[in-house]
Amino acid sequence: MLSSVFLSATNHLLSQSGWARTRLQPHAGRTARLAIAPLADLDFSVSVEGYFAAWSGEDAPEVLLRLAAVDLPKLLVDGLETAMRHVRIEGNAEFADALGFVFRHLRWDAEEDLSRVFGDIAAHRMVEGGKQLVGEGRRSLVRVGGNLAEYLTEESPLLVPRSALAELSHDVIALRDALGRLDKRVSRLEGRR
């Protein structure tokens, strides 16, 4: 099921991006696996038209893309380009480069899809409203994170503030140096006996 959702969604994005299909066409017939540990392994191949097709072979795929399941929220919040920073790619260099480039730059044209149902003006307004909503949500998360960090370090000191940590580090280094000097003095005094 997850495989068919992945293929459908990715092929929809590819249908909106002729450049991506053109980039994949030279790799027609090649196979890849997107391993989302520990959830699923999504196997696919590239068709002659540059779309992804289901693949279930016994051989190892030519390219393996590894993504930890914990990085999936980054995909939803920050988009493909940011999520691709966490993907490890192994295998055929040219094919891996093409897949990496396509996944990093593939974008959903939501306005185009919405315009088919609601019309151009309504779709444009929906997309702009969605962008504002997402932007405001991100700003709110940043503010909440800052407030939580301030609370945990200042008001309910469960965490050490950076300034106190830097001061402690400086004091530990000074203590280590003083202890080293004291150790040398003790050694010299013992040598005089």
N, C-alpha and C. Protein backbone atom coordinates (compact mmCIF):
# COMPACT_ATOMS: atom_id res chain seq x y z
N MET A 1 0.81 -1.19 0.00
CA MET A 1 0.00 0.00 0.00
C MET A 1 0.86 1.26 0.00
N LEU A 2 1.85 1.30 0.91
CA LEU A 2 2.73 2.46 0.99
C LEU A 2 3.49 2.65 -0.32
N SER A 3 3.84 1.54 -0.93
CA SER A 3 4.56 1.59 -2.21
C SER A 3 3.70 2.23 -3.29
N SER A 4 2.42 1.85 -3.36
CA SER A 4 1.55 2.41 -4.39
C SER A 4 1.28 3.90 -4.15
N VAL A 5 1.19 4.30 -2.88
CA VAL A 5 1.01 5.72 -2.56
C VAL A 5 2.25 6.51 -2.98
N PHE A 6 3.42 5.96 -2.66
CA PHE A 6 4.68 6.61 -3.04
C PHE A 6 4.78 6.75 -4.55
N LEU A 7 4.49 5.67 -5.28
CA LEU A 7 4.59 5.71 -6.74
C LEU A 7 3.57 6.68 -7.34
N SER A 8 2.34 6.66 -6.85
CA SER A 8 1.32 7.57 -7.38
C SER A 8 1.68 9.03 -7.13
N ALA A 9 2.09 9.33 -5.91
CA ALA A 9 2.43 10.72 -5.57
C ALA A 9 3.65 11.20 -6.36
N THR A 10 4.67 10.36 -6.42
CA THR A 10 5.89 10.75 -7.13
C THR A 10 5.62 10.89 -8.62
N ASN A 11 4.87 9.97 -9.19
CA ASN A 11 4.55 10.07 -10.62
C ASN A 11 3.69 11.29 -10.93
N HIS A 12 2.83 11.68 -10.00
CA HIS A 12 2.05 12.90 -10.19
C HIS A 12 2.99 14.11 -10.25
N LEU A 13 3.96 14.14 -9.33
CA LEU A 13 4.93 15.24 -9.34
C LEU A 13 5.77 15.22 -10.61
N LEU A 14 6.15 14.01 -11.05
CA LEU A 14 6.93 13.89 -12.29
C LEU A 14 6.12 14.35 -13.50
N SER A 15 4.80 14.11 -13.47
CA SER A 15 3.96 14.53 -14.61
C SER A 15 3.93 16.05 -14.74
N GLN A 16 4.16 16.77 -13.64
CA GLN A 16 4.18 18.23 -13.66
C GLN A 16 5.57 18.78 -13.97
N SER A 17 6.57 17.89 -14.04
CA SER A 17 7.96 18.34 -14.19
C SER A 17 8.63 17.60 -15.34
N GLY A 18 8.49 18.13 -16.53
CA GLY A 18 9.10 17.52 -17.71
C GLY A 18 10.60 17.39 -17.60
N TRP A 19 11.25 18.37 -16.98
CA TRP A 19 12.71 18.33 -16.82
C TRP A 19 13.14 17.10 -16.01
N ALA A 20 12.34 16.72 -15.00
CA ALA A 20 12.69 15.58 -14.15
C ALA A 20 12.59 14.28 -14.93
N ARG A 21 11.54 14.14 -15.73
CA ARG A 21 11.40 12.93 -16.55
C ARG A 21 12.54 12.85 -17.56
N THR A 22 12.90 13.98 -18.15
CA THR A 22 14.01 14.01 -19.10
C THR A 22 15.31 13.58 -18.42
N ARG A 23 15.50 13.99 -17.19
CA ARG A 23 16.71 13.63 -16.43
C ARG A 23 16.72 12.13 -16.10
N LEU A 24 15.54 11.53 -15.92
CA LEU A 24 15.46 10.11 -15.55
C LEU A 24 15.44 9.18 -16.76
N GLN A 25 15.01 9.64 -17.92
CA GLN A 25 14.85 8.78 -19.10
C GLN A 25 16.12 8.01 -19.48
N PRO A 26 17.31 8.59 -19.41
CA PRO A 26 18.51 7.80 -19.74
C PRO A 26 18.73 6.60 -18.81
N HIS A 27 18.03 6.58 -17.69
CA HIS A 27 18.20 5.50 -16.71
C HIS A 27 17.02 4.52 -16.75
N ALA A 28 16.30 4.51 -17.85
CA ALA A 28 15.15 3.60 -18.00
C ALA A 28 15.59 2.16 -17.76
N GLY A 29 14.79 1.45 -16.98
CA GLY A 29 15.07 0.05 -16.67
C GLY A 29 15.91 -0.13 -15.41
N ARG A 30 16.50 0.91 -14.91
CA ARG A 30 17.32 0.79 -13.70
C ARG A 30 16.40 0.71 -12.48
N THR A 31 16.93 0.10 -11.43
CA THR A 31 16.12 -0.17 -10.24
C THR A 31 16.69 0.55 -9.02
N ALA A 32 15.79 0.86 -8.10
CA ALA A 32 16.20 1.55 -6.87
C ALA A 32 15.30 1.10 -5.72
N ARG A 33 15.81 1.31 -4.53
CA ARG A 33 15.03 1.01 -3.32
C ARG A 33 15.15 2.21 -2.38
N LEU A 34 14.00 2.69 -1.92
CA LEU A 34 13.95 3.71 -0.88
C LEU A 34 13.66 2.96 0.42
N ALA A 35 14.69 2.85 1.26
CA ALA A 35 14.56 2.12 2.53
C ALA A 35 14.28 3.12 3.64
N ILE A 36 13.06 3.07 4.17
CA ILE A 36 12.66 3.94 5.27
C ILE A 36 12.64 3.07 6.52
N ALA A 37 13.80 3.02 7.19
CA ALA A 37 13.95 2.13 8.34
C ALA A 37 13.19 2.70 9.53
N PRO A 38 12.48 1.91 10.25
CA PRO A 38 12.15 0.50 10.09
C PRO A 38 10.79 0.26 9.43
N LEU A 39 10.23 1.27 8.76
CA LEU A 39 8.86 1.16 8.24
C LEU A 39 8.72 0.30 6.99
N ALA A 40 9.46 0.62 5.94
CA ALA A 40 9.20 -0.05 4.67
C ALA A 40 10.38 0.10 3.72
N ASP A 41 10.42 -0.81 2.76
CA ASP A 41 11.33 -0.73 1.62
C ASP A 41 10.47 -0.53 0.38
N LEU A 42 10.68 0.58 -0.31
CA LEU A 42 9.89 0.90 -1.51
C LEU A 42 10.77 0.67 -2.73
N ASP A 43 10.47 -0.39 -3.48
CA ASP A 43 11.25 -0.73 -4.66
C ASP A 43 10.58 -0.15 -5.90
N PHE A 44 11.40 0.42 -6.79
CA PHE A 44 10.86 0.99 -8.02
C PHE A 44 11.91 0.96 -9.11
N SER A 45 11.43 1.11 -10.33
CA SER A 45 12.32 1.22 -11.48
C SER A 45 11.91 2.45 -12.28
N VAL A 46 12.73 2.82 -13.25
CA VAL A 46 12.43 3.98 -14.09
C VAL A 46 11.92 3.47 -15.42
N SER A 47 10.78 4.01 -15.86
CA SER A 47 10.20 3.61 -17.15
C SER A 47 10.85 4.40 -18.28
N VAL A 48 10.57 4.00 -19.50
CA VAL A 48 11.10 4.67 -20.69
C VAL A 48 10.66 6.13 -20.73
N GLU A 49 9.46 6.42 -20.21
CA GLU A 49 8.92 7.78 -20.22
C GLU A 49 9.49 8.65 -19.09
N GLY A 50 10.26 8.05 -18.18
CA GLY A 50 10.83 8.80 -17.07
C GLY A 50 9.99 8.78 -15.81
N TYR A 51 8.98 7.93 -15.77
CA TYR A 51 8.16 7.78 -14.56
C TYR A 51 8.70 6.62 -13.74
N PHE A 52 8.23 6.51 -12.50
CA PHE A 52 8.59 5.38 -11.65
C PHE A 52 7.55 4.28 -11.83
N ALA A 53 8.03 3.04 -11.80
CA ALA A 53 7.16 1.88 -11.91
C ALA A 53 7.48 0.92 -10.78
N ALA A 54 6.50 0.13 -10.39
CA ALA A 54 6.72 -0.87 -9.34
C ALA A 54 7.75 -1.88 -9.82
N TRP A 55 8.60 -2.31 -8.93
CA TRP A 55 9.62 -3.31 -9.25
C TRP A 55 9.74 -4.26 -8.08
N SER A 56 9.75 -5.53 -8.38
CA SER A 56 9.91 -6.53 -7.31
C SER A 56 10.79 -7.65 -7.84
N GLY A 57 12.07 -7.39 -7.89
CA GLY A 57 13.01 -8.38 -8.38
C GLY A 57 13.78 -9.02 -7.25
N GLU A 58 14.41 -10.13 -7.57
CA GLU A 58 15.23 -10.83 -6.57
C GLU A 58 16.61 -10.19 -6.46
N ASP A 59 17.06 -9.53 -7.53
CA ASP A 59 18.38 -8.92 -7.53
C ASP A 59 18.40 -7.69 -6.62
N ALA A 60 19.60 -7.32 -6.23
CA ALA A 60 19.75 -6.09 -5.44
C ALA A 60 19.49 -4.89 -6.34
N PRO A 61 18.90 -3.85 -5.81
CA PRO A 61 18.66 -2.65 -6.63
C PRO A 61 19.99 -1.98 -6.98
N GLU A 62 19.98 -1.22 -8.06
CA GLU A 62 21.20 -0.54 -8.49
C GLU A 62 21.52 0.66 -7.61
N VAL A 63 20.51 1.24 -7.00
CA VAL A 63 20.71 2.37 -6.09
C VAL A 63 19.86 2.14 -4.84
N LEU A 64 20.45 2.44 -3.70
CA LEU A 64 19.75 2.32 -2.42
C LEU A 64 19.73 3.70 -1.76
N LEU A 65 18.53 4.17 -1.47
CA LEU A 65 18.35 5.45 -0.76
C LEU A 65 17.87 5.12 0.64
N ARG A 66 18.64 5.49 1.66
CA ARG A 66 18.28 5.19 3.05
C ARG A 66 17.80 6.46 3.75
N LEU A 67 16.64 6.33 4.38
CA LEU A 67 16.06 7.44 5.14
C LEU A 67 15.51 6.87 6.44
N ALA A 68 15.88 7.46 7.56
CA ALA A 68 15.35 7.02 8.85
C ALA A 68 13.93 7.55 9.02
N ALA A 69 13.08 6.73 9.60
CA ALA A 69 11.68 7.13 9.79
C ALA A 69 11.56 8.39 10.64
N VAL A 70 12.52 8.61 11.53
CA VAL A 70 12.47 9.81 12.37
C VAL A 70 12.66 11.09 11.56
N ASP A 71 13.19 10.97 10.33
CA ASP A 71 13.39 12.14 9.47
C ASP A 71 12.16 12.45 8.61
N LEU A 72 11.13 11.60 8.65
CA LEU A 72 9.93 11.84 7.84
C LEU A 72 9.22 13.15 8.19
N PRO A 73 9.13 13.53 9.47
CA PRO A 73 8.49 14.82 9.76
C PRO A 73 9.19 16.00 9.08
N LYS A 74 10.52 15.91 8.92
CA LYS A 74 11.24 16.98 8.22
C LYS A 74 10.77 17.08 6.78
N LEU A 75 10.43 15.94 6.20
CA LEU A 75 9.93 15.92 4.82
C LEU A 75 8.61 16.68 4.74
N LEU A 76 7.74 16.46 5.71
CA LEU A 76 6.44 17.11 5.69
C LEU A 76 6.52 18.60 6.01
N VAL A 77 7.41 18.96 6.93
CA VAL A 77 7.50 20.35 7.36
C VAL A 77 8.39 21.18 6.44
N ASP A 78 9.57 20.65 6.12
CA ASP A 78 10.56 21.44 5.40
C ASP A 78 10.65 21.15 3.92
N GLY A 79 10.03 20.07 3.46
CA GLY A 79 10.05 19.76 2.04
C GLY A 79 11.13 18.76 1.66
N LEU A 80 11.09 18.35 0.40
CA LEU A 80 12.00 17.33 -0.10
C LEU A 80 13.46 17.75 -0.03
N GLU A 81 13.75 18.99 -0.38
CA GLU A 81 15.15 19.42 -0.44
C GLU A 81 15.83 19.28 0.92
N THR A 82 15.17 19.70 1.98
CA THR A 82 15.73 19.58 3.32
C THR A 82 15.81 18.12 3.76
N ALA A 83 14.78 17.35 3.46
CA ALA A 83 14.78 15.94 3.85
C ALA A 83 15.88 15.17 3.13
N MET A 84 16.20 15.57 1.89
CA MET A 84 17.23 14.86 1.13
C MET A 84 18.61 15.00 1.76
N ARG A 85 18.80 15.97 2.62
CA ARG A 85 20.08 16.10 3.33
C ARG A 85 20.31 14.94 4.28
N HIS A 86 19.23 14.28 4.67
CA HIS A 86 19.32 13.18 5.62
C HIS A 86 19.31 11.81 4.93
N VAL A 87 19.19 11.81 3.61
CA VAL A 87 19.14 10.55 2.86
C VAL A 87 20.55 10.14 2.48
N ARG A 88 20.87 8.87 2.72
CA ARG A 88 22.16 8.32 2.31
C ARG A 88 21.92 7.54 1.02
N ILE A 89 22.71 7.85 -0.01
CA ILE A 89 22.53 7.23 -1.32
C ILE A 89 23.74 6.37 -1.63
N GLU A 90 23.48 5.11 -2.02
CA GLU A 90 24.55 4.17 -2.37
C GLU A 90 24.23 3.55 -3.72
N GLY A 91 25.27 3.17 -4.45
CA GLY A 91 25.06 2.44 -5.70
C GLY A 91 25.62 3.16 -6.91
N ASN A 92 25.07 2.85 -8.07
CA ASN A 92 25.48 3.41 -9.36
C ASN A 92 25.53 4.94 -9.27
N ALA A 93 26.71 5.50 -9.51
CA ALA A 93 26.92 6.94 -9.28
C ALA A 93 26.03 7.82 -10.17
N GLU A 94 25.95 7.52 -11.45
CA GLU A 94 25.17 8.37 -12.36
C GLU A 94 23.68 8.31 -12.03
N PHE A 95 23.18 7.10 -11.80
CA PHE A 95 21.76 6.93 -11.47
C PHE A 95 21.46 7.57 -10.11
N ALA A 96 22.35 7.37 -9.14
CA ALA A 96 22.17 7.96 -7.81
C ALA A 96 22.16 9.48 -7.90
N ASP A 97 23.04 10.04 -8.73
CA ASP A 97 23.09 11.49 -8.90
C ASP A 97 21.78 12.00 -9.51
N ALA A 98 21.29 11.28 -10.52
CA ALA A 98 20.03 11.69 -11.17
C ALA A 98 18.87 11.63 -10.18
N LEU A 99 18.77 10.54 -9.42
CA LEU A 99 17.69 10.41 -8.44
C LEU A 99 17.79 11.49 -7.36
N GLY A 100 19.00 11.70 -6.85
CA GLY A 100 19.19 12.71 -5.82
C GLY A 100 18.80 14.09 -6.32
N PHE A 101 19.21 14.43 -7.55
CA PHE A 101 18.88 15.74 -8.12
C PHE A 101 17.37 15.89 -8.28
N VAL A 102 16.73 14.86 -8.82
CA VAL A 102 15.28 14.92 -9.04
C VAL A 102 14.54 15.06 -7.72
N PHE A 103 14.89 14.25 -6.72
CA PHE A 103 14.19 14.33 -5.44
C PHE A 103 14.44 15.67 -4.74
N ARG A 104 15.65 16.23 -4.87
CA ARG A 104 15.93 17.52 -4.23
C ARG A 104 15.15 18.67 -4.86
N HIS A 105 14.89 18.59 -6.16
CA HIS A 105 14.30 19.72 -6.86
C HIS A 105 12.85 19.52 -7.30
N LEU A 106 12.29 18.37 -7.02
CA LEU A 106 10.90 18.09 -7.39
C LEU A 106 9.96 18.91 -6.51
N ARG A 107 9.03 19.61 -7.12
CA ARG A 107 8.09 20.45 -6.37
C ARG A 107 6.66 20.15 -6.81
N TRP A 108 5.76 20.24 -5.86
CA TRP A 108 4.34 20.05 -6.17
C TRP A 108 3.76 21.40 -6.55
N ASP A 109 3.12 21.46 -7.69
CA ASP A 109 2.44 22.68 -8.12
C ASP A 109 0.99 22.58 -7.65
N ALA A 110 0.79 22.88 -6.37
CA ALA A 110 -0.54 22.77 -5.76
C ALA A 110 -1.53 23.69 -6.44
N GLU A 111 -1.07 24.85 -6.84
CA GLU A 111 -1.97 25.81 -7.48
C GLU A 111 -2.54 25.25 -8.78
N GLU A 112 -1.72 24.55 -9.53
CA GLU A 112 -2.18 23.94 -10.79
C GLU A 112 -3.26 22.89 -10.50
N ASP A 113 -3.02 22.03 -9.52
CA ASP A 113 -4.00 20.99 -9.19
C ASP A 113 -5.31 21.60 -8.66
N LEU A 114 -5.19 22.58 -7.79
CA LEU A 114 -6.40 23.20 -7.23
C LEU A 114 -7.18 23.99 -8.28
N SER A 115 -6.47 24.56 -9.26
CA SER A 115 -7.17 25.36 -10.28
C SER A 115 -8.09 24.50 -11.14
N ARG A 116 -7.80 23.23 -11.27
CA ARG A 116 -8.67 22.33 -12.04
C ARG A 116 -10.03 22.15 -11.36
N VAL A 117 -10.03 22.24 -10.03
CA VAL A 117 -11.26 22.03 -9.28
C VAL A 117 -11.96 23.35 -8.95
N PHE A 118 -11.18 24.35 -8.51
CA PHE A 118 -11.77 25.59 -8.00
C PHE A 118 -11.62 26.79 -8.92
N GLY A 119 -10.81 26.68 -9.95
CA GLY A 119 -10.54 27.83 -10.81
C GLY A 119 -9.24 28.51 -10.42
N ASP A 120 -8.72 29.32 -11.34
CA ASP A 120 -7.40 29.92 -11.15
C ASP A 120 -7.34 30.89 -9.97
N ILE A 121 -8.30 31.77 -9.86
CA ILE A 121 -8.25 32.80 -8.81
C ILE A 121 -8.38 32.18 -7.43
N ALA A 122 -9.35 31.30 -7.26
CA ALA A 122 -9.54 30.64 -5.96
C ALA A 122 -8.32 29.80 -5.60
N ALA A 123 -7.75 29.10 -6.58
CA ALA A 123 -6.57 28.27 -6.32
C ALA A 123 -5.40 29.14 -5.87
N HIS A 124 -5.21 30.26 -6.55
CA HIS A 124 -4.11 31.17 -6.19
C HIS A 124 -4.30 31.67 -4.76
N ARG A 125 -5.51 32.06 -4.41
CA ARG A 125 -5.77 32.57 -3.06
C ARG A 125 -5.59 31.46 -2.01
N MET A 126 -6.00 30.25 -2.35
CA MET A 126 -5.83 29.13 -1.42
C MET A 126 -4.34 28.87 -1.16
N VAL A 127 -3.56 28.86 -2.21
CA VAL A 127 -2.12 28.58 -2.07
C VAL A 127 -1.44 29.69 -1.27
N GLU A 128 -1.76 30.94 -1.58
CA GLU A 128 -1.17 32.06 -0.83
C GLU A 128 -1.58 32.01 0.64
N GLY A 129 -2.85 31.71 0.90
CA GLY A 129 -3.32 31.57 2.28
C GLY A 129 -2.62 30.42 2.99
N GLY A 130 -2.43 29.32 2.28
CA GLY A 130 -1.72 28.17 2.85
C GLY A 130 -0.28 28.51 3.19
N LYS A 131 0.38 29.27 2.30
CA LYS A 131 1.77 29.67 2.57
C LYS A 131 1.85 30.54 3.81
N GLN A 132 0.89 31.47 3.95
CA GLN A 132 0.88 32.33 5.13
C GLN A 132 0.62 31.52 6.39
N LEU A 133 -0.28 30.56 6.30
CA LEU A 133 -0.60 29.71 7.44
C LEU A 133 0.61 28.88 7.85
N VAL A 134 1.29 28.29 6.88
CA VAL A 134 2.47 27.48 7.17
C VAL A 134 3.57 28.36 7.76
N GLY A 135 3.79 29.53 7.17
CA GLY A 135 4.81 30.45 7.69
C GLY A 135 4.52 30.86 9.12
N GLU A 136 3.27 31.16 9.40
CA GLU A 136 2.89 31.55 10.76
C GLU A 136 3.06 30.38 11.71
N GLY A 137 2.73 29.18 11.26
CA GLY A 137 2.92 27.99 12.08
C GLY A 137 4.39 27.77 12.43
N ARG A 138 5.27 27.95 11.45
CA ARG A 138 6.71 27.80 11.71
C ARG A 138 7.19 28.85 12.69
N ARG A 139 6.77 30.09 12.49
CA ARG A 139 7.18 31.16 13.41
C ARG A 139 6.68 30.86 14.82
N SER A 140 5.48 30.34 14.93
CA SER A 140 4.93 30.00 16.25
C SER A 140 5.74 28.89 16.90
N LEU A 141 6.13 27.89 16.12
CA LEU A 141 6.95 26.81 16.67
C LEU A 141 8.30 27.33 17.16
N VAL A 142 8.91 28.23 16.40
CA VAL A 142 10.19 28.81 16.81
C VAL A 142 10.01 29.58 18.12
N ARG A 143 8.94 30.37 18.21
CA ARG A 143 8.69 31.14 19.44
C ARG A 143 8.44 30.22 20.63
N VAL A 144 7.65 29.17 20.43
CA VAL A 144 7.37 28.22 21.51
C VAL A 144 8.66 27.54 21.94
N GLY A 145 9.48 27.15 20.98
CA GLY A 145 10.76 26.53 21.31
C GLY A 145 11.65 27.45 22.12
N GLY A 146 11.71 28.72 21.72
CA GLY A 146 12.50 29.70 22.47
C GLY A 146 11.97 29.90 23.87
N ASN A 147 10.65 30.00 24.00
CA ASN A 147 10.04 30.17 25.32
C ASN A 147 10.29 28.96 26.20
N LEU A 148 10.19 27.77 25.63
CA LEU A 148 10.43 26.55 26.40
C LEU A 148 11.88 26.49 26.86
N ALA A 149 12.80 26.82 25.96
CA ALA A 149 14.22 26.81 26.33
C ALA A 149 14.50 27.82 27.44
N GLU A 150 13.90 29.00 27.34
CA GLU A 150 14.09 30.01 28.38
C GLU A 150 13.51 29.53 29.71
N TYR A 151 12.34 28.91 29.69
CA TYR A 151 11.73 28.41 30.91
C TYR A 151 12.60 27.33 31.55
N LEU A 152 13.10 26.39 30.74
CA LEU A 152 13.88 25.28 31.28
C LEU A 152 15.25 25.71 31.77
N THR A 153 15.77 26.82 31.25
CA THR A 153 17.10 27.26 31.69
C THR A 153 17.05 28.34 32.76
N GLU A 154 16.04 29.21 32.73
CA GLU A 154 16.00 30.35 33.64
C GLU A 154 15.02 30.17 34.80
N GLU A 155 13.78 29.84 34.51
CA GLU A 155 12.75 29.81 35.54
C GLU A 155 12.70 28.49 36.30
N SER A 156 12.85 27.39 35.62
CA SER A 156 12.86 26.07 36.24
C SER A 156 14.13 25.38 35.78
N PRO A 157 15.24 25.67 36.43
CA PRO A 157 16.55 25.28 35.89
C PRO A 157 16.77 23.76 35.76
N LEU A 158 16.11 23.20 34.77
CA LEU A 158 16.33 21.79 34.45
C LEU A 158 17.48 21.65 33.46
N LEU A 159 17.73 22.70 32.70
CA LEU A 159 18.82 22.73 31.73
C LEU A 159 19.79 23.83 32.12
N VAL A 160 21.04 23.68 31.71
CA VAL A 160 22.05 24.68 32.01
C VAL A 160 22.09 25.68 30.85
N PRO A 161 21.99 26.99 31.15
CA PRO A 161 22.09 27.97 30.06
C PRO A 161 23.50 27.98 29.46
N ARG A 162 23.60 28.38 28.21
CA ARG A 162 24.90 28.39 27.52
C ARG A 162 25.93 29.23 28.27
N SER A 163 25.52 30.37 28.79
CA SER A 163 26.47 31.25 29.49
C SER A 163 27.03 30.55 30.72
N ALA A 164 26.18 29.87 31.47
CA ALA A 164 26.64 29.15 32.67
C ALA A 164 27.52 27.97 32.29
N LEU A 165 27.21 27.31 31.19
CA LEU A 165 28.02 26.19 30.72
C LEU A 165 29.40 26.68 30.29
N ALA A 166 29.45 27.80 29.60
CA ALA A 166 30.74 28.36 29.17
C ALA A 166 31.56 28.77 30.38
N GLU A 167 30.91 29.37 31.38
CA GLU A 167 31.60 29.78 32.60
C GLU A 167 32.13 28.56 33.35
N LEU A 168 31.32 27.51 33.45
CA LEU A 168 31.75 26.29 34.12
C LEU A 168 32.93 25.67 33.38
N SER A 169 32.87 25.65 32.06
CA SER A 169 33.96 25.11 31.25
C SER A 169 35.24 25.88 31.51
N HIS A 170 35.15 27.21 31.56
CA HIS A 170 36.31 28.06 31.83
C HIS A 170 36.87 27.75 33.21
N ASP A 171 36.01 27.62 34.21
CA ASP A 171 36.44 27.32 35.57
C ASP A 171 37.11 25.96 35.67
N VAL A 172 36.58 24.96 34.97
CA VAL A 172 37.17 23.62 34.99
C VAL A 172 38.57 23.64 34.36
N ILE A 173 38.72 24.38 33.27
CA ILE A 173 40.04 24.49 32.62
C ILE A 173 41.03 25.18 33.55
N ALA A 174 40.59 26.27 34.21
CA ALA A 174 41.45 26.98 35.16
C ALA A 174 41.83 26.06 36.32
N LEU A 175 40.88 25.29 36.83
CA LEU A 175 41.15 24.35 37.93
C LEU A 175 42.13 23.27 37.49
N ARG A 176 41.96 22.77 36.27
CA ARG A 176 42.88 21.75 35.74
C ARG A 176 44.29 22.30 35.65
N ASP A 177 44.43 23.53 35.16
CA ASP A 177 45.76 24.14 35.03
C ASP A 177 46.38 24.36 36.40
N ALA A 178 45.59 24.84 37.36
CA ALA A 178 46.10 25.07 38.72
C ALA A 178 46.51 23.75 39.36
N LEU A 179 45.74 22.71 39.13
CA LEU A 179 46.07 21.39 39.67
C LEU A 179 47.37 20.86 39.06
N GLY A 180 47.55 21.12 37.77
CA GLY A 180 48.80 20.71 37.11
C GLY A 180 50.00 21.43 37.70
N ARG A 181 49.87 22.74 37.96
CA ARG A 181 50.97 23.51 38.57
C ARG A 181 51.25 23.01 39.98
N LEU A 182 50.19 22.72 40.74
CA LEU A 182 50.36 22.21 42.10
C LEU A 182 51.06 20.85 42.08
N ASP A 183 50.69 20.01 41.14
CA ASP A 183 51.31 18.69 41.01
C ASP A 183 52.80 18.83 40.73
N LYS A 184 53.19 19.79 39.89
CA LYS A 184 54.61 20.00 39.59
C LYS A 184 55.35 20.50 40.82
N ARG A 185 54.74 21.39 41.60
CA ARG A 185 55.37 21.89 42.83
C ARG A 185 55.59 20.77 43.83
N VAL A 186 54.55 19.93 43.99
CA VAL A 186 54.67 18.80 44.91
C VAL A 186 55.79 17.87 44.45
N SER A 187 55.89 17.64 43.15
CA SER A 187 56.95 16.77 42.62
C SER A 187 58.32 17.37 42.90
N ARG A 188 58.48 18.70 42.73
CA ARG A 188 59.76 19.35 43.00
C ARG A 188 60.11 19.27 44.49
N LEU A 189 59.10 19.48 45.35
CA LEU A 189 59.35 19.42 46.79
C LEU A 189 59.73 18.01 47.22
N GLU A 190 59.11 17.00 46.64
CA GLU A 190 59.45 15.62 46.97
C GLU A 190 60.84 15.28 46.46
N GLY A 191 61.25 15.91 45.37
CA GLY A 191 62.58 15.67 44.81
C GLY A 191 63.68 16.27 45.66
N ARG A 192 63.39 17.27 46.46
CA ARG A 192 64.39 17.92 47.33
C ARG A 192 64.69 17.09 48.56
N ARG A 193 63.82 16.22 48.93
CA ARG A 193 64.00 15.43 50.16
C ARG A 193 65.10 14.50 50.01
